[in-house]
Amino acid sequence: MKSKYIILIACALISTLFSCSLNDEPLSTYTELTNGTSSTGSSSILKDRDAAVSQRKVLYNLMRTRQEHWFLDLELIAEAHSDNAYAGTTGAEVVPFETNSIDASNSVLDRDWSRYLADIAQANVLINGVDSLQIQGKITSAECNQWKAEGKIFRALVMFDMARIWGSFPLITKCAQTITSDNINDVYSTYYPPKSSVQECYTQIATDLTEALPYAPDIDNSDKTLFSKTVAQAMLAKVYAEKPIQDYSKVIQYADLVKNTSGMQLESDYKNLYGFDQTTQDCKKRNTTESILEIQYFTGDGNWASWMFGRSLENYDFYFTWAKWVTPSRDLTNAFDSQGDSIRKNESIVFYSCSWSNYYPANHYAFMYKCRSSYNSLIKVRLADILLLEAEAYTYQGNLSQAAGLVNQVRERVKLNDLSSDITANKDKMIDAVLNERRLELAFEGQRWFDLCRNNKVEQVMNAVYSKDSGRLSQKKTFNENSYLMPIPQTALDTNNNLIQNPGY
């Protein structure tokens, strides 16, 4: 009886991992037809070359279609849970991010946890499946190496988000064998593993990216959607900035490789990054000179996330009858104004009339503006992020002149003066200056909360913002050392008794 019960649970998990959501079309079905696994799990994971090509396409499609956890929810966590934004609407799933009252029942975190793990499972199919096809002579060595590298970059991107949100998670890098009555005791633990350590998770991310470097495709300046060498280099810079494996020399090393990539430079006009052309009814520019990884959308195949944040400019009144997520905060507006930063402010925040007044008067309501049409790209990684991350590394190393040069390069693009000498001569002031520059440059790009966490600034910044920002809802809990990580969803804990909740929840 116990074995039957376990089988039912395992089958439910498999269904969860590989079924389509209510919001997404099914991308791939993990079956014996598309993958070469028999019911005993004894044969190859991928059946043939066509299956490998299809699985590679699945990973690229996941970037485009899984907009909830790849973009929408990441915006909520990074912006509304920081000083950049308010929750925006009154829903119980989003308000706790603004008021600091998140718990393990939060539905946003629940769906994100399961979908990230499902994405990792899809990556594992490609990563583990191509070797057997090469041995059988069904694909070439070059194809095997490149596709595996792309799979590892994709997996690293997913795991990096999970690590920053939850700290650690079950580190699954192999495809689980099909459960039968004969092997259930051996296989069960692969479906319900414990969390790995934070150190192990970050080390695996760095390993995936490092192993991908020799074989990933070169960046294509006409197609920034690829999981390229430059994506791997940029992500290594970001990974080595994080506390568990922090290494500022490696941040600088990989950032320099990104900077030296042919054709890689800051876009001359900041407005090209997120602009929309009303004449052509399309985004101003795809594949910008500073994009490292873009998720692109086109007419007839648009990005639905735009109408979650404000107006979709190609269809002005589409779904504009209810309060939107991630409303820009007065504190962020003041940060722009204190720098005289009108260019980035106007590209990040826009005011419209609407029918609600949750945070601003209805006739002059603020909206996040970096996702302004369903045809604008979602820029996952770009050069300015890497330059400012390198400036952060130089600052902590004590090389303030190098740090200042990088920050000033970013400021000059938006017509701001160089940092003053009293800032560039003081390490603590430079750290604050770099963080503030990242706040203004990367507003609404899913970075702010993680910047505060990485620099141990959560308590200092977030416990102070409620009293100085008159628009914020009341703070429910004080931020402390346990606030840096999100709670493991209760449904995950109920399903897998090997998981342990993060401290403080």
Protein backbone atom coordinates (compact mmCIF):
# COMPACT_ATOMS: atom_id res chain seq x y z
CA MET A 1 0.00 0.00 0.00
CA LYS A 2 2.84 2.37 0.85
CA SER A 3 4.51 1.73 -2.52
CA LYS A 4 1.29 2.52 -4.39
CA TYR A 5 0.96 5.77 -2.45
CA ILE A 6 4.51 6.80 -3.30
CA ILE A 7 3.96 5.99 -6.97
CA LEU A 8 0.88 8.20 -7.02
CA ILE A 9 2.81 11.09 -5.46
CA ALA A 10 5.68 10.65 -7.91
CA CYS A 11 3.32 10.59 -10.88
CA ALA A 12 1.66 13.76 -9.60
CA LEU A 13 5.06 15.43 -9.43
CA ILE A 14 5.92 14.36 -12.97
CA SER A 15 2.61 15.78 -14.12
CA THR A 16 3.38 19.04 -12.34
CA LEU A 17 6.83 19.32 -13.87
CA PHE A 18 5.84 18.63 -17.45
CA SER A 19 2.25 19.72 -17.88
CA CYS A 20 1.34 23.06 -19.42
CA SER A 21 0.12 25.92 -17.25
CA LEU A 22 -3.10 27.82 -17.71
CA ASN A 23 -1.12 30.66 -19.21
CA ASP A 24 1.31 28.84 -21.51
CA GLU A 25 1.00 26.59 -24.51
CA PRO A 26 2.63 23.19 -24.00
CA LEU A 27 6.18 23.26 -25.29
CA SER A 28 7.38 19.72 -24.91
CA THR A 29 6.01 16.48 -23.64
CA TYR A 30 8.40 14.16 -21.85
CA THR A 31 7.37 10.85 -23.43
CA GLU A 32 8.90 7.76 -24.98
CA LEU A 33 7.98 9.15 -28.39
CA THR A 34 9.95 12.40 -28.19
CA ASN A 35 12.60 11.04 -25.84
CA GLY A 36 14.19 7.62 -26.11
CA THR A 37 13.48 6.51 -22.57
CA SER A 38 11.73 3.20 -22.14
CA SER A 39 9.31 2.53 -19.31
CA THR A 40 12.23 1.14 -17.31
CA GLY A 41 14.37 4.17 -18.02
CA SER A 42 17.08 1.96 -19.53
CA SER A 43 17.54 3.52 -22.97
CA SER A 44 18.72 6.93 -24.16
CA ILE A 45 17.00 10.11 -23.04
CA LEU A 46 16.70 11.56 -26.54
CA LYS A 47 15.51 9.30 -29.33
CA ASP A 48 17.29 10.87 -32.28
CA ARG A 49 18.67 14.10 -33.75
CA ASP A 50 15.20 15.54 -34.35
CA ALA A 51 14.39 15.05 -30.67
CA ALA A 52 17.57 16.92 -29.69
CA VAL A 53 16.81 19.78 -32.10
CA SER A 54 13.28 19.94 -30.69
CA GLN A 55 14.50 19.95 -27.10
CA ARG A 56 16.98 22.77 -27.84
CA LYS A 57 14.08 24.74 -29.29
CA VAL A 58 12.06 24.04 -26.15
CA LEU A 59 14.66 25.86 -24.01
CA TYR A 60 14.67 28.92 -26.24
CA ASN A 61 10.86 28.93 -26.33
CA LEU A 62 10.70 28.73 -22.55
CA MET A 63 12.54 32.05 -22.37
CA ARG A 64 9.78 33.64 -24.45
CA THR A 65 6.66 31.97 -23.10
CA ARG A 66 7.33 31.63 -19.37
CA GLN A 67 6.87 35.33 -18.78
CA GLU A 68 5.40 34.95 -15.30
CA HIS A 69 8.47 33.73 -13.47
CA TRP A 70 11.13 34.90 -15.92
CA PHE A 71 9.89 38.49 -15.81
CA LEU A 72 6.59 39.36 -14.12
CA ASP A 73 7.23 37.75 -10.74
CA LEU A 74 10.91 38.70 -10.77
CA GLU A 75 9.81 42.33 -11.17
CA LEU A 76 7.51 41.99 -8.18
CA ILE A 77 10.26 40.50 -6.01
CA ALA A 78 13.07 42.82 -7.10
CA GLU A 79 11.14 46.08 -7.37
CA ALA A 80 8.04 46.01 -5.12
CA HIS A 81 9.92 44.23 -2.34
CA SER A 82 12.52 46.99 -2.52
CA ASP A 83 12.31 50.79 -2.38
CA ASN A 84 11.74 51.09 -6.14
CA ALA A 85 8.03 50.29 -6.26
CA TYR A 86 4.76 49.60 -4.52
CA ALA A 87 2.86 46.36 -5.10
CA GLY A 88 0.45 48.22 -7.38
CA THR A 89 -2.73 46.30 -6.81
CA THR A 90 -4.58 45.04 -3.73
CA GLY A 91 -4.27 41.31 -4.33
CA ALA A 92 -3.17 39.12 -1.43
CA GLU A 93 -0.50 37.55 -3.62
CA VAL A 94 1.33 40.86 -4.27
CA VAL A 95 0.73 43.20 -1.29
CA PRO A 96 2.99 41.19 1.09
CA PHE A 97 6.00 42.05 -1.07
CA GLU A 98 5.43 45.73 -0.34
CA THR A 99 4.55 45.36 3.35
CA ASN A 100 7.15 42.68 4.14
CA SER A 101 4.61 40.11 5.23
CA ILE A 102 5.49 37.27 2.84
CA ASP A 103 4.92 33.75 4.08
CA ALA A 104 5.14 30.22 2.71
CA SER A 105 1.55 30.30 1.40
CA ASN A 106 2.31 33.02 -1.18
CA SER A 107 0.98 31.88 -4.54
CA VAL A 108 3.57 33.82 -6.57
CA LEU A 109 6.46 32.00 -4.92
CA ASP A 110 4.56 28.73 -5.16
CA ARG A 111 4.23 28.86 -8.93
CA ASP A 112 7.76 30.18 -9.39
CA TRP A 113 9.35 27.34 -7.40
CA SER A 114 7.63 24.63 -9.44
CA ARG A 115 8.16 26.31 -12.78
CA TYR A 116 11.85 26.97 -12.21
CA LEU A 117 12.29 23.29 -11.33
CA ALA A 118 10.35 22.32 -14.45
CA ASP A 119 12.68 24.50 -16.53
CA ILE A 120 15.71 22.79 -14.99
CA ALA A 121 14.17 19.43 -15.83
CA GLN A 122 13.82 20.48 -19.46
CA ALA A 123 17.45 21.62 -19.56
CA ASN A 124 18.55 18.30 -18.08
CA VAL A 125 16.90 16.42 -20.93
CA LEU A 126 19.09 18.20 -23.47
CA ILE A 127 22.28 18.25 -21.37
CA ASN A 128 22.10 14.56 -20.50
CA GLY A 129 20.67 13.35 -23.77
CA VAL A 130 23.10 14.57 -26.40
CA ASP A 131 26.13 12.51 -25.31
CA SER A 132 24.39 9.24 -26.13
CA LEU A 133 23.33 10.56 -29.54
CA GLN A 134 26.93 11.49 -30.32
CA ILE A 135 28.18 8.04 -29.29
CA GLN A 136 25.56 6.50 -31.58
CA GLY A 137 26.70 8.74 -34.43
CA LYS A 138 23.32 10.49 -34.64
CA ILE A 139 24.78 13.98 -34.08
CA THR A 140 28.25 15.42 -34.60
CA SER A 141 30.71 16.24 -31.87
CA ALA A 142 30.30 19.96 -32.61
CA GLU A 143 26.51 19.73 -32.31
CA CYS A 144 26.76 17.77 -29.08
CA ASN A 145 29.15 20.27 -27.50
CA GLN A 146 27.22 23.38 -28.56
CA TRP A 147 23.79 22.11 -27.60
CA LYS A 148 25.04 20.90 -24.23
CA ALA A 149 26.68 24.31 -23.66
CA GLU A 150 23.44 26.12 -24.50
CA GLY A 151 21.56 23.81 -22.14
CA LYS A 152 24.02 24.54 -19.34
CA ILE A 153 23.75 28.30 -19.85
CA PHE A 154 19.97 28.04 -19.73
CA ARG A 155 20.14 25.88 -16.59
CA ALA A 156 22.54 28.34 -14.98
CA LEU A 157 20.17 31.23 -15.69
CA VAL A 158 17.34 29.36 -13.99
CA MET A 159 19.42 28.26 -11.03
CA PHE A 160 20.83 31.76 -10.56
CA ASP A 161 17.34 33.17 -10.13
CA MET A 162 16.46 30.38 -7.70
CA ALA A 163 19.66 30.92 -5.71
CA ARG A 164 19.06 34.64 -5.35
CA ILE A 165 15.42 34.13 -4.36
CA TRP A 166 15.68 31.11 -2.03
CA GLY A 167 19.42 30.72 -1.37
CA SER A 168 19.42 26.99 -2.03
CA PHE A 169 17.22 24.38 -3.66
CA PRO A 170 17.36 20.71 -4.68
CA LEU A 171 20.31 20.54 -7.05
CA ILE A 172 19.03 18.28 -9.84
CA THR A 173 21.36 17.82 -12.81
CA LYS A 174 20.28 14.38 -14.04
CA CYS A 175 17.06 13.06 -15.54
CA ALA A 176 15.17 10.94 -13.08
CA GLN A 177 14.59 7.32 -14.00
CA THR A 178 11.01 6.19 -14.51
CA ILE A 179 9.57 4.85 -11.23
CA THR A 180 8.45 1.23 -11.20
CA SER A 181 7.43 -1.09 -8.40
CA ASP A 182 10.86 -2.72 -8.63
CA ASN A 183 13.03 0.40 -8.29
CA ILE A 184 10.86 2.75 -6.25
CA ASN A 185 13.03 2.66 -3.14
CA ASP A 186 16.11 3.61 -5.15
CA VAL A 187 14.48 6.19 -7.44
CA TYR A 188 12.11 7.92 -5.04
CA SER A 189 14.83 10.15 -3.57
CA THR A 190 15.65 11.54 -7.02
CA TYR A 191 12.12 12.93 -7.26
CA TYR A 192 12.07 14.33 -3.73
CA PRO A 193 15.65 15.36 -2.93
CA PRO A 194 16.70 17.66 -0.08
CA LYS A 195 18.04 21.14 -0.71
CA SER A 196 21.72 21.35 -1.53
CA SER A 197 23.80 23.89 0.37
CA VAL A 198 23.93 27.50 -0.83
CA GLN A 199 27.61 27.01 -1.63
CA GLU A 200 26.89 23.91 -3.70
CA CYS A 201 24.15 25.68 -5.67
CA TYR A 202 26.33 28.65 -6.61
CA THR A 203 29.27 26.38 -7.40
CA GLN A 204 27.09 24.35 -9.77
CA ILE A 205 25.95 27.53 -11.52
CA ALA A 206 29.56 28.66 -11.98
CA THR A 207 30.55 25.17 -13.18
CA ASP A 208 27.77 25.08 -15.78
CA LEU A 209 28.81 28.46 -17.14
CA THR A 210 32.54 27.69 -17.13
CA GLU A 211 32.01 24.34 -18.88
CA ALA A 212 29.80 26.04 -21.47
CA LEU A 213 32.34 28.72 -22.39
CA PRO A 214 34.50 26.76 -24.88
CA TYR A 215 31.54 25.45 -26.86
CA ALA A 216 28.79 28.09 -26.67
CA PRO A 217 28.23 30.02 -29.91
CA ASP A 218 29.87 33.41 -30.32
CA ILE A 219 27.56 36.33 -29.79
CA ASP A 220 25.69 37.32 -32.95
CA ASN A 221 25.18 41.08 -33.04
CA SER A 222 22.17 40.56 -35.31
CA ASP A 223 20.57 38.02 -32.95
CA LYS A 224 21.02 38.64 -29.23
CA THR A 225 18.60 35.84 -28.28
CA LEU A 226 21.31 33.16 -28.28
CA PHE A 227 22.87 31.54 -25.22
CA SER A 228 26.28 32.74 -26.31
CA LYS A 229 29.79 32.84 -24.84
CA THR A 230 29.17 36.45 -23.88
CA VAL A 231 26.03 35.46 -21.96
CA ALA A 232 28.11 32.91 -20.04
CA GLN A 233 30.84 35.49 -19.34
CA ALA A 234 28.34 38.10 -18.17
CA MET A 235 26.60 35.60 -15.92
CA LEU A 236 29.93 34.48 -14.43
CA ALA A 237 30.59 38.12 -13.52
CA LYS A 238 27.20 38.24 -11.83
CA VAL A 239 27.62 34.88 -10.07
CA TYR A 240 31.04 35.72 -8.64
CA ALA A 241 29.62 38.98 -7.23
CA GLU A 242 27.30 36.99 -4.97
CA LYS A 243 28.31 36.35 -1.36
CA PRO A 244 28.49 32.52 -1.29
CA ILE A 245 31.34 32.42 -3.85
CA GLN A 246 32.25 36.12 -3.97
CA ASP A 247 35.46 36.74 -5.90
CA TYR A 248 35.93 40.33 -7.09
CA SER A 249 38.93 39.45 -9.25
CA LYS A 250 36.75 37.04 -11.22
CA VAL A 251 33.96 39.61 -11.49
CA ILE A 252 36.48 41.97 -13.11
CA GLN A 253 37.99 39.22 -15.25
CA TYR A 254 34.68 38.18 -16.80
CA ALA A 255 33.36 41.74 -17.04
CA ASP A 256 36.46 42.65 -19.05
CA LEU A 257 35.83 39.74 -21.42
CA VAL A 258 32.29 41.05 -21.97
CA LYS A 259 33.55 44.61 -22.58
CA ASN A 260 36.09 43.34 -25.10
CA THR A 261 33.52 41.41 -27.13
CA SER A 262 33.44 42.66 -30.71
CA GLY A 263 30.67 45.19 -31.22
CA MET A 264 29.76 45.37 -27.54
CA GLN A 265 29.26 48.96 -26.37
CA LEU A 266 26.69 51.08 -24.59
CA GLU A 267 23.81 52.01 -26.83
CA SER A 268 24.43 55.66 -27.74
CA ASP A 269 20.84 56.67 -26.95
CA TYR A 270 19.32 55.23 -23.78
CA LYS A 271 15.87 55.67 -25.35
CA ASN A 272 16.63 52.94 -27.90
CA LEU A 273 16.65 50.28 -25.19
CA TYR A 274 12.95 50.46 -24.34
CA GLY A 275 11.49 52.91 -26.86
CA PHE A 276 8.37 52.31 -28.95
CA ASP A 277 7.84 53.79 -32.40
CA GLN A 278 4.22 54.89 -32.80
CA THR A 279 4.63 55.23 -36.56
CA THR A 280 5.78 51.67 -37.18
CA GLN A 281 3.88 50.32 -34.16
CA ASP A 282 6.99 48.42 -33.15
CA CYS A 283 9.84 48.71 -30.67
CA LYS A 284 12.55 51.19 -31.60
CA LYS A 285 15.35 48.68 -31.74
CA ARG A 286 16.11 45.01 -31.24
CA ASN A 287 19.62 43.62 -30.79
CA THR A 288 20.97 46.84 -29.31
CA THR A 289 24.73 47.25 -29.11
CA GLU A 290 24.69 46.68 -25.35
CA SER A 291 22.25 43.79 -25.22
CA ILE A 292 23.83 40.51 -24.16
CA LEU A 293 20.64 38.45 -23.95
CA GLU A 294 17.27 39.62 -25.26
CA ILE A 295 13.90 37.90 -25.29
CA GLN A 296 12.25 39.19 -28.43
CA TYR A 297 8.63 39.50 -29.53
CA PHE A 298 7.06 40.39 -32.85
CA THR A 299 3.68 41.28 -34.36
CA GLY A 300 1.30 38.38 -33.89
CA ASP A 301 3.46 36.81 -31.21
CA GLY A 302 3.68 39.46 -28.52
CA ASN A 303 4.64 39.69 -24.88
CA TRP A 304 1.54 39.63 -22.69
CA ALA A 305 3.39 40.96 -19.61
CA SER A 306 3.13 44.53 -20.90
CA TRP A 307 -0.52 44.85 -19.88
CA MET A 308 0.32 43.71 -16.34
CA PHE A 309 2.34 46.90 -15.74
CA GLY A 310 0.54 49.67 -17.63
CA ARG A 311 -0.68 50.56 -21.08
CA SER A 312 0.32 48.50 -24.12
CA LEU A 313 1.18 51.28 -26.53
CA GLU A 314 0.22 49.31 -29.64
CA ASN A 315 -3.29 48.86 -28.17
CA TYR A 316 -3.75 51.79 -25.81
CA ASP A 317 -6.83 50.69 -23.85
CA PHE A 318 -6.23 46.94 -23.91
CA TYR A 319 -6.83 45.48 -20.42
CA PHE A 320 -6.55 48.92 -18.84
CA THR A 321 -9.50 48.60 -16.50
CA TRP A 322 -7.79 47.30 -13.34
CA ALA A 323 -4.88 48.36 -11.13
CA LYS A 324 -1.50 47.27 -12.43
CA TRP A 325 1.41 45.54 -10.71
CA VAL A 326 4.67 47.24 -9.66
CA THR A 327 3.80 50.92 -9.30
CA PRO A 328 6.87 53.23 -9.23
CA SER A 329 7.53 54.63 -5.77
CA ARG A 330 7.90 58.27 -4.80
CA ASP A 331 11.25 57.37 -3.29
CA LEU A 332 12.53 56.23 -6.70
CA THR A 333 11.16 59.36 -8.37
CA ASN A 334 12.98 61.46 -5.78
CA ALA A 335 16.19 59.52 -6.45
CA PHE A 336 15.97 60.39 -10.14
CA ASP A 337 15.14 64.03 -9.39
CA SER A 338 17.98 64.44 -6.91
CA GLN A 339 20.42 63.56 -9.68
CA GLY A 340 18.67 65.66 -12.32
CA ASP A 341 18.29 62.38 -14.20
CA SER A 342 15.41 63.18 -16.51
CA ILE A 343 16.43 60.83 -19.34
CA ARG A 344 16.36 57.62 -17.34
CA LYS A 345 13.41 58.80 -15.26
CA ASN A 346 11.29 59.39 -18.34
CA GLU A 347 12.26 56.01 -19.78
CA SER A 348 11.43 54.25 -16.51
CA ILE A 349 8.28 56.01 -15.25
CA VAL A 350 5.28 57.35 -17.12
CA PHE A 351 2.08 59.02 -15.89
CA TYR A 352 -1.39 58.27 -17.31
CA SER A 353 -4.97 58.89 -16.30
CA CYS A 354 -6.74 55.76 -15.12
CA SER A 355 -9.81 54.67 -13.17
CA TRP A 356 -8.10 53.79 -9.87
CA SER A 357 -6.20 55.76 -7.23
CA ASN A 358 -4.48 53.20 -5.00
CA TYR A 359 -1.19 55.10 -4.78
CA TYR A 360 -1.57 58.27 -6.89
CA PRO A 361 -4.44 60.49 -8.02
CA ALA A 362 -6.33 58.80 -10.85
CA ASN A 363 -5.71 61.73 -13.20
CA HIS A 364 -1.91 61.50 -12.78
CA TYR A 365 -0.97 57.92 -11.97
CA ALA A 366 2.54 56.49 -12.18
CA PHE A 367 3.35 53.33 -14.17
CA MET A 368 6.45 51.28 -14.79
CA TYR A 369 7.53 52.12 -18.34
CA LYS A 370 10.22 49.62 -19.33
CA CYS A 371 7.73 47.13 -20.71
CA ARG A 372 5.54 49.43 -22.74
CA SER A 373 4.33 47.29 -25.60
CA SER A 374 3.91 43.62 -26.37
CA TYR A 375 6.58 43.94 -29.07
CA ASN A 376 9.35 45.38 -26.92
CA SER A 377 12.20 43.02 -26.05
CA LEU A 378 12.75 41.90 -22.49
CA ILE A 379 16.46 42.52 -22.03
CA LYS A 380 17.66 39.85 -19.61
CA VAL A 381 21.32 40.93 -19.51
CA ARG A 382 22.97 44.08 -20.82
CA LEU A 383 26.35 45.79 -20.73
CA ALA A 384 25.50 48.63 -18.33
CA ASP A 385 24.63 46.06 -15.66
CA ILE A 386 28.03 44.40 -16.10
CA LEU A 387 29.94 47.70 -16.12
CA LEU A 388 28.36 48.79 -12.86
CA LEU A 389 28.90 45.36 -11.33
CA GLU A 390 32.58 45.67 -12.24
CA ALA A 391 32.60 49.14 -10.64
CA GLU A 392 31.18 47.53 -7.50
CA ALA A 393 33.99 44.96 -7.51
CA TYR A 394 36.68 47.61 -8.00
CA THR A 395 35.20 49.65 -5.15
CA TYR A 396 35.36 46.77 -2.71
CA GLN A 397 38.93 46.11 -3.82
CA GLY A 398 39.75 49.76 -3.03
CA ASN A 399 40.43 50.78 -6.64
CA LEU A 400 38.13 53.80 -6.53
CA SER A 401 39.49 55.52 -9.65
CA GLN A 402 38.72 52.48 -11.83
CA ALA A 403 35.27 52.22 -10.28
CA ALA A 404 34.57 55.90 -10.85
CA GLY A 405 35.60 55.64 -14.49
CA LEU A 406 33.04 52.91 -15.13
CA VAL A 407 30.25 54.73 -13.30
CA ASN A 408 31.03 57.96 -15.16
CA GLN A 409 30.90 56.10 -18.47
CA VAL A 410 27.32 55.08 -17.69
CA ARG A 411 26.41 58.57 -16.44
CA GLU A 412 27.81 60.32 -19.49
CA ARG A 413 25.43 58.40 -21.76
CA VAL A 414 22.49 60.11 -20.02
CA LYS A 415 24.14 63.57 -19.86
CA LEU A 416 24.98 63.53 -16.15
CA ASN A 417 28.13 65.01 -14.64
CA ASP A 418 30.94 62.80 -13.40
CA LEU A 419 30.92 61.80 -9.75
CA SER A 420 32.38 64.51 -7.51
CA SER A 421 35.83 64.11 -5.96
CA ASP A 422 34.47 63.85 -2.41
CA ILE A 423 32.62 60.69 -3.50
CA THR A 424 35.39 59.13 -5.58
CA ALA A 425 37.93 59.55 -2.76
CA ASN A 426 35.85 57.71 -0.14
CA LYS A 427 35.17 53.97 -0.32
CA ASP A 428 31.88 54.01 1.61
CA LYS A 429 30.56 56.89 -0.48
CA MET A 430 31.62 55.11 -3.67
CA ILE A 431 29.78 51.95 -2.66
CA ASP A 432 26.62 54.00 -2.12
CA ALA A 433 27.21 55.84 -5.40
CA VAL A 434 27.57 52.61 -7.37
CA LEU A 435 24.41 51.18 -5.81
CA ASN A 436 22.50 54.38 -6.54
CA GLU A 437 23.74 54.35 -10.13
CA ARG A 438 22.57 50.77 -10.52
CA ARG A 439 19.22 51.78 -9.06
CA LEU A 440 18.70 54.54 -11.62
CA GLU A 441 20.22 52.76 -14.61
CA LEU A 442 18.52 49.42 -14.03
CA ALA A 443 15.19 50.48 -12.50
CA PHE A 444 12.47 47.91 -13.27
CA GLU A 445 14.96 45.41 -14.69
CA GLY A 446 14.73 43.00 -11.77
CA GLN A 447 17.94 44.02 -9.95
CA ARG A 448 17.26 46.33 -6.98
CA TRP A 449 16.31 43.84 -4.24
CA PHE A 450 19.21 41.57 -5.14
CA ASP A 451 21.61 44.55 -5.15
CA LEU A 452 20.54 45.38 -1.60
CA CYS A 453 20.94 41.76 -0.52
CA ARG A 454 24.36 41.36 -2.11
CA ASN A 455 25.64 44.48 -0.39
CA ASN A 456 24.07 43.77 3.03
CA LYS A 457 21.91 46.89 2.74
CA VAL A 458 18.44 45.41 3.25
CA GLU A 459 17.95 46.45 6.89
CA GLN A 460 19.53 49.88 6.42
CA VAL A 461 17.54 50.81 3.32
CA MET A 462 14.24 49.03 3.72
CA ASN A 463 13.55 49.73 7.39
CA ALA A 464 14.01 53.43 6.67
CA VAL A 465 11.99 53.78 3.47
CA TYR A 466 8.51 53.41 4.99
CA SER A 467 8.80 56.60 7.02
CA LYS A 468 10.22 58.72 4.19
CA ASP A 469 7.97 57.42 1.40
CA SER A 470 4.46 58.64 2.11
CA GLY A 471 2.91 56.38 -0.50
CA ARG A 472 3.95 53.00 0.89
CA LEU A 473 1.59 50.70 2.71
CA SER A 474 2.45 50.11 6.36
CA GLN A 475 5.37 47.85 7.17
CA LYS A 476 4.19 44.61 8.78
CA LYS A 477 7.55 43.16 9.85
CA THR A 478 10.98 44.64 10.41
CA PHE A 479 13.62 43.51 7.93
CA ASN A 480 16.38 41.48 9.58
CA GLU A 481 19.06 38.91 8.75
CA ASN A 482 16.37 36.38 7.81
CA SER A 483 14.73 38.70 5.28
CA TYR A 484 17.29 38.17 2.53
CA LEU A 485 15.73 34.93 1.30
CA MET A 486 12.15 34.10 0.37
CA PRO A 487 10.25 31.27 2.07
CA ILE A 488 10.13 27.83 0.48
CA PRO A 489 6.49 27.37 -0.66
CA GLN A 490 4.38 25.37 1.76
CA THR A 491 3.11 23.15 -1.04
CA ALA A 492 6.71 22.15 -1.82
CA LEU A 493 7.33 21.37 1.84
CA ASP A 494 4.13 19.33 2.03
CA THR A 495 5.08 17.35 -1.07
CA ASN A 496 8.73 16.79 -0.21
CA ASN A 497 9.43 16.20 3.47
CA ASN A 498 13.18 16.30 2.73
CA LEU A 499 12.96 20.08 2.28
CA ILE A 500 13.71 22.42 5.18
CA GLN A 501 12.16 25.90 5.42
CA ASN A 502 14.44 28.92 5.28
CA PRO A 503 15.06 30.62 8.66
CA GLY A 504 12.51 33.18 9.78
CA TYR A 505 9.43 31.64 8.15
